[in-house]
């Protein structure tokens, strides 16, 4: 797949994620592996509902001056690409219902058909402390993903990291999880 097509996919994905409130104006990240030792990721000043070519940067696995312009999440994406060969696309998002539900639960067990079919059980990862989180995240997140049956990790109070070989499949999993968490929260409020 050529780089221009990858960039177009990332721009389209970004807008969809923003419209669903999975990305906020400056929070979130998305990347695509463009070569065995390179990946394309949004820049640190990306506005996700207006992303364009100039807000995507290609980074080599070997750090150089371009890393200064990249998303704060670049090191985490890099670490996932290095350790998980199936990762072609990666995103960091903050779906509001999933984030809210994960604050009070250690496990997400969907009760709806699509949630059960896609991911019957999702353990919530508790980073315990956010002191030095970015120093730990590039080690802890890939390790958690490697030891999981899922291609995503929900991190309490932080967000979701997901990867996949297919961008649409990754988006679908995030959407199904978000809808399942919304249903679980509505169910809880009805039982209260």
Protein backbone atom coordinates (compact mmCIF):
# COMPACT_ATOMS: atom_id res chain seq x y z
CA UNK A 1 0.00 0.00 0.00
CA UNK A 2 1.48 3.37 -0.94
CA UNK A 3 2.10 6.11 1.62
CA UNK A 4 -0.41 8.50 0.15
CA UNK A 5 -3.18 5.92 0.47
CA UNK A 6 -2.15 5.22 4.08
CA UNK A 7 -2.30 8.94 4.85
CA UNK A 8 -5.76 9.24 3.29
CA UNK A 9 -6.95 6.33 5.42
CA UNK A 10 -5.56 7.93 8.58
CA UNK A 11 -7.21 11.28 7.78
CA UNK A 12 -10.58 9.60 7.21
CA UNK A 13 -10.22 7.47 10.36
CA UNK A 14 -9.29 10.55 12.40
CA UNK A 15 -12.41 12.45 11.37
CA UNK A 16 -14.63 9.45 12.19
CA UNK A 17 -13.00 9.05 15.60
CA UNK A 18 -13.44 12.75 16.31
CA UNK A 19 -17.11 12.70 15.33
CA UNK A 20 -17.69 9.76 17.69
CA UNK A 21 -15.88 11.68 20.47
CA UNK A 22 -13.16 9.01 20.64
CA UNK A 23 -10.60 11.78 19.91
CA UNK A 24 -10.85 15.29 21.27
CA UNK A 25 -9.37 18.34 19.57
CA UNK A 26 -5.80 17.59 20.63
CA UNK A 27 -6.07 14.23 22.41
CA UNK A 28 -5.59 10.94 20.64
CA UNK A 29 -3.23 9.44 18.11
CA UNK A 30 -3.29 7.26 15.04
CA UNK A 31 -0.52 5.64 13.04
CA UNK A 32 0.20 3.18 10.25
CA UNK A 33 3.31 1.10 9.68
CA UNK A 34 4.69 2.19 6.30
CA UNK A 35 7.75 -0.04 6.15
CA UNK A 36 9.61 -2.55 8.33
CA UNK A 37 11.38 0.28 10.11
CA UNK A 38 9.03 3.27 9.61
CA UNK A 39 5.57 4.45 10.56
CA UNK A 40 3.33 7.43 9.85
CA UNK A 41 1.79 9.17 12.88
CA UNK A 42 -0.02 12.43 13.58
CA UNK A 43 1.99 15.41 14.72
CA UNK A 44 1.75 16.85 18.23
CA UNK A 45 -0.33 19.82 17.03
CA UNK A 46 -2.91 17.82 15.10
CA UNK A 47 -6.52 18.97 15.24
CA UNK A 48 -8.31 15.72 14.56
CA UNK A 49 -11.42 17.00 12.82
CA UNK A 50 -9.26 18.91 10.33
CA UNK A 51 -6.31 16.56 9.92
CA UNK A 52 -4.45 16.80 6.62
CA UNK A 53 -1.19 15.61 5.06
CA UNK A 54 0.86 18.25 6.83
CA UNK A 55 -0.25 16.88 10.22
CA UNK A 56 1.12 13.42 9.50
CA UNK A 57 4.80 12.64 9.79
CA UNK A 58 6.78 9.55 8.88
CA UNK A 59 9.20 8.41 11.56
CA UNK A 60 12.06 5.95 11.33
CA UNK A 61 12.36 3.48 14.19
CA UNK A 62 15.75 5.09 14.85
CA UNK A 63 14.93 8.40 16.55
CA UNK A 64 15.94 11.61 14.79
CA UNK A 65 14.85 15.29 14.73
CA UNK A 66 11.41 14.42 13.27
CA UNK A 67 10.39 12.77 16.54
CA UNK A 68 10.25 16.27 18.09
CA UNK A 69 7.25 17.09 15.86
CA UNK A 70 5.41 13.82 16.42
CA UNK A 71 2.58 12.99 18.81
CA UNK A 72 3.50 12.50 22.45
CA UNK A 73 2.33 8.90 21.89
CA UNK A 74 4.98 8.15 19.22
CA UNK A 75 7.23 6.20 21.60
CA UNK A 76 4.32 3.95 22.59
CA UNK A 77 3.35 3.32 18.95
CA UNK A 78 7.01 2.60 18.14
CA UNK A 79 7.26 0.09 20.96
CA UNK A 80 4.08 -1.70 19.85
CA UNK A 81 5.29 -1.91 16.23
CA UNK A 82 8.63 -3.33 17.35
CA UNK A 83 7.08 -5.99 19.58
CA UNK A 84 3.88 -6.99 17.75
CA UNK A 85 4.40 -7.99 14.13
CA UNK A 86 0.64 -8.06 13.43
CA UNK A 87 0.33 -4.35 14.19
CA UNK A 88 -0.22 -2.45 10.94
CA UNK A 89 -2.39 0.32 12.46
CA UNK A 90 -2.42 1.68 16.02
CA UNK A 91 -4.66 4.18 17.74
CA UNK A 92 -4.95 5.77 21.14
CA UNK A 93 -8.48 6.94 21.87
CA UNK A 94 -10.71 7.97 24.76
CA UNK A 95 -14.28 6.78 24.11
CA UNK A 96 -16.29 8.48 26.89
CA UNK A 97 -18.56 5.58 27.91
CA UNK A 98 -15.71 3.08 28.02
CA UNK A 99 -13.58 5.50 30.01
CA UNK A 100 -16.38 6.22 32.50
CA UNK A 101 -17.25 2.53 32.91
CA UNK A 102 -13.60 1.56 33.40
CA UNK A 103 -13.22 3.98 36.32
CA UNK A 104 -15.51 1.85 38.48
CA UNK A 105 -14.97 -1.67 37.12
CA UNK A 106 -12.02 -4.03 36.80
CA UNK A 107 -13.64 -6.04 34.02
CA UNK A 108 -15.96 -5.10 31.16
CA UNK A 109 -18.35 -7.95 30.40
CA UNK A 110 -20.71 -6.90 27.60
CA UNK A 111 -24.33 -8.02 27.87
CA UNK A 112 -25.35 -7.19 24.29
CA UNK A 113 -25.10 -9.55 21.32
CA UNK A 114 -22.37 -7.72 19.39
CA UNK A 115 -20.28 -7.10 22.49
CA UNK A 116 -20.44 -10.74 23.55
CA UNK A 117 -19.62 -11.86 20.01
CA UNK A 118 -16.64 -9.50 19.57
CA UNK A 119 -15.14 -9.40 23.07
CA UNK A 120 -16.96 -11.23 25.84
CA UNK A 121 -14.56 -10.03 28.55
CA UNK A 122 -12.16 -7.10 28.69
CA UNK A 123 -9.90 -6.64 31.70
CA UNK A 124 -9.27 -3.03 32.65
CA UNK A 125 -5.61 -2.25 33.21
CA UNK A 126 -4.94 -0.08 36.26
CA UNK A 127 -1.72 1.93 35.89
CA UNK A 128 -2.03 2.68 39.63
CA UNK A 129 -0.20 5.98 39.51
CA UNK A 130 0.14 8.51 36.72
CA UNK A 131 3.49 9.70 38.09
CA UNK A 132 6.02 8.86 35.37
CA UNK A 133 3.24 7.24 33.29
CA UNK A 134 4.79 8.23 29.96
CA UNK A 135 8.12 6.73 31.02
CA UNK A 136 6.40 3.43 31.86
CA UNK A 137 3.72 3.36 29.14
CA UNK A 138 5.96 2.34 26.24
CA UNK A 139 6.90 -0.80 28.19
CA UNK A 140 3.65 -1.59 30.02
CA UNK A 141 1.19 -1.14 27.12
CA UNK A 142 2.91 -3.48 24.61
CA UNK A 143 3.45 -6.06 27.37
CA UNK A 144 -0.24 -5.92 28.24
CA UNK A 145 -1.22 -6.25 24.55
CA UNK A 146 1.11 -9.22 24.03
CA UNK A 147 -0.39 -11.05 27.02
CA UNK A 148 -3.97 -10.40 25.92
CA UNK A 149 -6.32 -12.30 23.63
CA UNK A 150 -7.58 -8.93 22.38
CA UNK A 151 -5.97 -6.37 20.13
CA UNK A 152 -6.72 -3.58 22.58
CA UNK A 153 -6.08 -2.56 26.16
CA UNK A 154 -8.37 -0.37 28.24
CA UNK A 155 -6.33 1.71 30.68
CA UNK A 156 -8.27 3.09 33.64
CA UNK A 157 -8.37 6.88 33.63
CA UNK A 158 -6.23 7.15 30.50
CA UNK A 159 -7.72 5.62 27.35
CA UNK A 160 -7.58 2.69 24.95
CA UNK A 161 -4.66 1.51 22.85
CA UNK A 162 -5.69 -0.70 19.95
CA UNK A 163 -3.87 -2.23 17.02
CA UNK A 164 -4.89 -4.31 14.01
CA UNK A 165 -3.86 -5.31 10.52
CA UNK A 166 -7.03 -3.66 9.23
CA UNK A 167 -8.04 -0.10 10.09
CA UNK A 168 -11.77 -0.76 9.69
CA UNK A 169 -11.62 -3.81 11.96
CA UNK A 170 -9.85 -1.75 14.62
CA UNK A 171 -12.52 0.96 14.38
CA UNK A 172 -15.26 -1.68 14.61
CA UNK A 173 -13.84 -3.18 17.79
CA UNK A 174 -13.59 0.24 19.44
CA UNK A 175 -17.16 1.10 18.40
CA UNK A 176 -18.56 -2.22 19.67
CA UNK A 177 -16.77 -1.83 23.01
CA UNK A 178 -18.02 1.75 23.39
CA UNK A 179 -21.61 0.75 22.61
CA UNK A 180 -21.40 -2.19 25.05
CA UNK A 181 -20.15 0.11 27.81
CA UNK A 182 -22.94 2.56 27.11
CA UNK A 183 -25.49 -0.27 27.38
CA UNK A 184 -23.91 -1.47 30.64
CA UNK A 185 -24.07 2.05 32.11
CA UNK A 186 -27.71 2.48 31.04
CA UNK A 187 -28.53 -0.88 32.59
CA UNK A 188 -26.85 0.15 35.86
CA UNK A 189 -28.80 3.41 35.97
CA UNK A 190 -32.08 1.54 35.39
CA UNK A 191 -31.30 -0.86 38.25
CA UNK A 192 -30.40 1.95 40.67
